Amino acid sequence: MSQTAGKQKSSAQGEIVAHKMNKTAVVKVVTRKSHPKYRKHFTVTKKYKAHDEKNEYQVGDTVEIESSRPISREKRWKIVKKIK
């Protein structure tokens, strides 16, 4: 039997807006959507709590996050790398 490939991990880019918790950063992800009927474009902002193992990222950094197994009650994302 061959190994089954697991679920593909989703990823997103965002800016760190808070880093007051130990090993946790709040990342704001902004996406642009369009209304299906009226075709008006609008921005949707979502905040994710992401795991930062070494506390190496600061507020204002642009980072890439990736989904992972549940780490705590609200954390389901990990910070992969710093973009800016």
N, C-alpha and C. Protein backbone atom coordinates (compact mmCIF):
# COMPACT_ATOMS: atom_id res chain seq x y z
N MET A 1 0.83 -1.18 0.00
CA MET A 1 0.00 0.00 0.00
C MET A 1 0.87 1.24 0.00
N SER A 2 0.47 2.20 -0.77
CA SER A 2 1.21 3.46 -0.79
C SER A 2 0.66 4.38 0.29
N GLN A 3 1.50 5.30 0.69
CA GLN A 3 1.07 6.24 1.71
C GLN A 3 0.08 7.22 1.10
N THR A 4 -0.91 7.59 1.87
CA THR A 4 -1.86 8.57 1.37
C THR A 4 -1.35 9.96 1.70
N ALA A 5 -1.44 10.83 0.72
CA ALA A 5 -1.03 12.21 0.95
C ALA A 5 -2.08 12.87 1.83
N GLY A 6 -1.63 13.55 2.87
CA GLY A 6 -2.56 14.20 3.80
C GLY A 6 -3.24 15.39 3.16
N LYS A 7 -4.06 16.03 3.93
CA LYS A 7 -4.76 17.20 3.47
C LYS A 7 -3.76 18.29 3.13
N GLN A 8 -3.99 19.00 2.05
CA GLN A 8 -3.08 20.07 1.68
C GLN A 8 -3.27 21.24 2.65
N LYS A 9 -2.16 21.80 3.09
CA LYS A 9 -2.21 22.89 4.06
C LYS A 9 -2.49 24.20 3.34
N SER A 10 -3.40 24.97 3.89
CA SER A 10 -3.67 26.28 3.30
C SER A 10 -2.71 27.29 3.91
N SER A 11 -2.42 28.33 3.15
CA SER A 11 -1.50 29.35 3.64
C SER A 11 -2.04 30.72 3.29
N ALA A 12 -1.53 31.73 3.98
CA ALA A 12 -1.96 33.11 3.76
C ALA A 12 -0.84 34.04 4.18
N GLN A 13 -0.92 35.28 3.71
CA GLN A 13 0.03 36.31 4.10
C GLN A 13 -0.70 37.35 4.93
N GLY A 14 -0.03 37.90 5.91
CA GLY A 14 -0.66 38.92 6.72
C GLY A 14 0.34 39.69 7.54
N GLU A 15 -0.18 40.66 8.28
CA GLU A 15 0.66 41.52 9.10
C GLU A 15 0.38 41.23 10.57
N ILE A 16 1.45 41.19 11.36
CA ILE A 16 1.29 40.95 12.79
C ILE A 16 0.79 42.23 13.45
N VAL A 17 -0.35 42.13 14.14
CA VAL A 17 -0.94 43.30 14.79
C VAL A 17 -0.81 43.25 16.31
N ALA A 18 -0.55 42.08 16.88
CA ALA A 18 -0.37 41.97 18.32
C ALA A 18 0.56 40.80 18.63
N HIS A 19 1.40 40.98 19.64
CA HIS A 19 2.31 39.91 20.05
C HIS A 19 2.47 39.96 21.57
N LYS A 20 1.36 40.01 22.30
CA LYS A 20 1.42 40.14 23.75
C LYS A 20 1.38 38.81 24.47
N MET A 21 1.01 37.74 23.75
CA MET A 21 0.95 36.42 24.37
C MET A 21 2.26 35.68 24.12
N ASN A 22 2.60 34.77 24.99
CA ASN A 22 3.84 34.01 24.83
C ASN A 22 3.68 32.99 23.70
N LYS A 23 4.58 33.02 22.74
CA LYS A 23 4.61 32.10 21.59
C LYS A 23 3.37 32.20 20.70
N THR A 24 2.67 33.33 20.74
CA THR A 24 1.48 33.52 19.93
C THR A 24 1.48 34.93 19.35
N ALA A 25 1.16 35.03 18.07
CA ALA A 25 1.03 36.33 17.42
C ALA A 25 -0.33 36.39 16.74
N VAL A 26 -0.94 37.58 16.73
CA VAL A 26 -2.20 37.78 16.04
C VAL A 26 -1.86 38.35 14.67
N VAL A 27 -2.27 37.64 13.61
CA VAL A 27 -1.95 38.02 12.24
C VAL A 27 -3.22 38.47 11.54
N LYS A 28 -3.19 39.66 10.94
CA LYS A 28 -4.33 40.20 10.21
C LYS A 28 -4.14 39.89 8.72
N VAL A 29 -5.11 39.16 8.15
CA VAL A 29 -5.06 38.79 6.74
C VAL A 29 -6.16 39.56 6.01
N VAL A 30 -5.77 40.29 4.96
CA VAL A 30 -6.72 41.10 4.19
C VAL A 30 -6.90 40.47 2.81
N THR A 31 -8.16 40.21 2.45
CA THR A 31 -8.47 39.68 1.11
C THR A 31 -9.48 40.59 0.44
N ARG A 32 -9.45 40.63 -0.88
CA ARG A 32 -10.43 41.41 -1.65
C ARG A 32 -11.41 40.44 -2.28
N LYS A 33 -12.69 40.74 -2.10
CA LYS A 33 -13.75 39.91 -2.66
C LYS A 33 -14.66 40.76 -3.50
N SER A 34 -15.49 40.10 -4.27
CA SER A 34 -16.44 40.80 -5.12
C SER A 34 -17.82 40.24 -4.84
N HIS A 35 -18.81 41.12 -4.80
CA HIS A 35 -20.18 40.70 -4.55
C HIS A 35 -20.69 39.90 -5.75
N PRO A 36 -21.32 38.74 -5.53
CA PRO A 36 -21.72 37.90 -6.66
C PRO A 36 -22.76 38.54 -7.59
N LYS A 37 -23.65 39.34 -7.05
CA LYS A 37 -24.69 39.94 -7.89
C LYS A 37 -24.31 41.33 -8.39
N TYR A 38 -23.83 42.17 -7.48
CA TYR A 38 -23.60 43.57 -7.83
C TYR A 38 -22.18 43.87 -8.29
N ARG A 39 -21.27 42.91 -8.15
CA ARG A 39 -19.88 43.02 -8.63
C ARG A 39 -19.07 44.13 -7.96
N LYS A 40 -19.52 44.59 -6.82
CA LYS A 40 -18.74 45.59 -6.11
C LYS A 40 -17.61 44.90 -5.35
N HIS A 41 -16.41 45.47 -5.41
CA HIS A 41 -15.25 44.92 -4.71
C HIS A 41 -15.20 45.48 -3.30
N PHE A 42 -14.84 44.65 -2.33
CA PHE A 42 -14.70 45.09 -0.96
C PHE A 42 -13.61 44.26 -0.29
N THR A 43 -13.08 44.79 0.81
CA THR A 43 -12.02 44.09 1.52
C THR A 43 -12.60 43.37 2.73
N VAL A 44 -12.08 42.20 2.98
CA VAL A 44 -12.48 41.41 4.13
C VAL A 44 -11.23 41.19 4.99
N THR A 45 -11.32 41.55 6.26
CA THR A 45 -10.19 41.41 7.17
C THR A 45 -10.51 40.32 8.18
N LYS A 46 -9.55 39.42 8.38
CA LYS A 46 -9.73 38.33 9.33
C LYS A 46 -8.46 38.24 10.17
N LYS A 47 -8.62 38.00 11.47
CA LYS A 47 -7.47 37.86 12.36
C LYS A 47 -7.31 36.40 12.76
N TYR A 48 -6.09 35.91 12.69
CA TYR A 48 -5.78 34.54 13.09
C TYR A 48 -4.73 34.58 14.19
N LYS A 49 -4.85 33.69 15.16
CA LYS A 49 -3.81 33.51 16.16
C LYS A 49 -2.86 32.45 15.64
N ALA A 50 -1.59 32.82 15.50
CA ALA A 50 -0.60 31.92 14.90
C ALA A 50 0.52 31.62 15.90
N HIS A 51 1.06 30.42 15.81
CA HIS A 51 2.11 29.96 16.71
C HIS A 51 3.46 30.51 16.27
N ASP A 52 4.18 31.10 17.20
CA ASP A 52 5.53 31.64 16.98
C ASP A 52 6.44 31.00 18.02
N GLU A 53 7.08 29.91 17.65
CA GLU A 53 7.83 29.08 18.61
C GLU A 53 8.92 29.84 19.35
N LYS A 54 9.69 30.70 18.66
CA LYS A 54 10.84 31.35 19.28
C LYS A 54 10.59 32.82 19.64
N ASN A 55 9.37 33.29 19.51
CA ASN A 55 9.04 34.70 19.76
C ASN A 55 9.97 35.63 18.98
N GLU A 56 10.22 35.31 17.70
CA GLU A 56 11.18 36.09 16.91
C GLU A 56 10.54 37.15 16.03
N TYR A 57 9.22 37.20 15.91
CA TYR A 57 8.55 38.17 15.04
C TYR A 57 7.96 39.28 15.87
N GLN A 58 7.95 40.50 15.30
CA GLN A 58 7.47 41.68 16.01
C GLN A 58 6.23 42.25 15.35
N VAL A 59 5.55 43.15 16.04
CA VAL A 59 4.37 43.82 15.49
C VAL A 59 4.80 44.63 14.27
N GLY A 60 4.05 44.53 13.19
CA GLY A 60 4.36 45.24 11.95
C GLY A 60 5.03 44.38 10.91
N ASP A 61 5.54 43.21 11.27
CA ASP A 61 6.18 42.30 10.31
C ASP A 61 5.11 41.69 9.41
N THR A 62 5.43 41.54 8.13
CA THR A 62 4.58 40.81 7.20
C THR A 62 5.08 39.38 7.14
N VAL A 63 4.20 38.43 7.42
CA VAL A 63 4.61 37.03 7.53
C VAL A 63 3.69 36.14 6.71
N GLU A 64 4.15 34.92 6.47
CA GLU A 64 3.33 33.90 5.83
C GLU A 64 2.95 32.89 6.90
N ILE A 65 1.65 32.55 6.95
CA ILE A 65 1.17 31.58 7.92
C ILE A 65 0.61 30.36 7.19
N GLU A 66 0.62 29.24 7.88
CA GLU A 66 0.19 27.97 7.29
C GLU A 66 -0.67 27.24 8.31
N SER A 67 -1.72 26.58 7.83
CA SER A 67 -2.60 25.85 8.75
C SER A 67 -1.86 24.64 9.32
N SER A 68 -2.25 24.27 10.53
CA SER A 68 -1.60 23.14 11.20
C SER A 68 -2.63 22.46 12.09
N ARG A 69 -2.18 21.48 12.82
CA ARG A 69 -3.07 20.80 13.77
C ARG A 69 -3.41 21.80 14.88
N PRO A 70 -4.50 21.57 15.60
CA PRO A 70 -4.83 22.49 16.69
C PRO A 70 -3.75 22.49 17.77
N ILE A 71 -3.25 23.66 18.09
CA ILE A 71 -2.21 23.81 19.10
C ILE A 71 -2.85 24.19 20.43
N SER A 72 -3.89 25.01 20.39
CA SER A 72 -4.66 25.36 21.58
C SER A 72 -6.11 25.57 21.15
N ARG A 73 -6.89 26.18 22.02
CA ARG A 73 -8.32 26.33 21.72
C ARG A 73 -8.55 27.20 20.49
N GLU A 74 -7.72 28.21 20.28
CA GLU A 74 -7.92 29.13 19.15
C GLU A 74 -6.80 29.09 18.11
N LYS A 75 -5.68 28.46 18.43
CA LYS A 75 -4.54 28.46 17.49
C LYS A 75 -4.59 27.26 16.56
N ARG A 76 -4.70 27.53 15.26
CA ARG A 76 -4.66 26.48 14.24
C ARG A 76 -3.72 26.86 13.10
N TRP A 77 -2.86 27.86 13.32
CA TRP A 77 -1.95 28.36 12.30
C TRP A 77 -0.55 28.46 12.87
N LYS A 78 0.46 28.33 11.99
CA LYS A 78 1.86 28.49 12.38
C LYS A 78 2.48 29.54 11.47
N ILE A 79 3.39 30.33 12.02
CA ILE A 79 4.13 31.29 11.19
C ILE A 79 5.25 30.53 10.52
N VAL A 80 5.30 30.64 9.17
CA VAL A 80 6.29 29.91 8.39
C VAL A 80 7.55 30.75 8.19
N LYS A 81 7.38 31.98 7.70
CA LYS A 81 8.54 32.82 7.42
C LYS A 81 8.13 34.28 7.40
N LYS A 82 9.16 35.13 7.51
CA LYS A 82 8.96 36.56 7.45
C LYS A 82 9.13 37.02 6.00
N ILE A 83 8.22 37.85 5.52
CA ILE A 83 8.30 38.34 4.15
C ILE A 83 8.95 39.71 4.13
N LYS A 84 8.53 40.61 5.00
CA LYS A 84 9.14 41.95 5.11
C LYS A 84 9.44 42.25 6.56
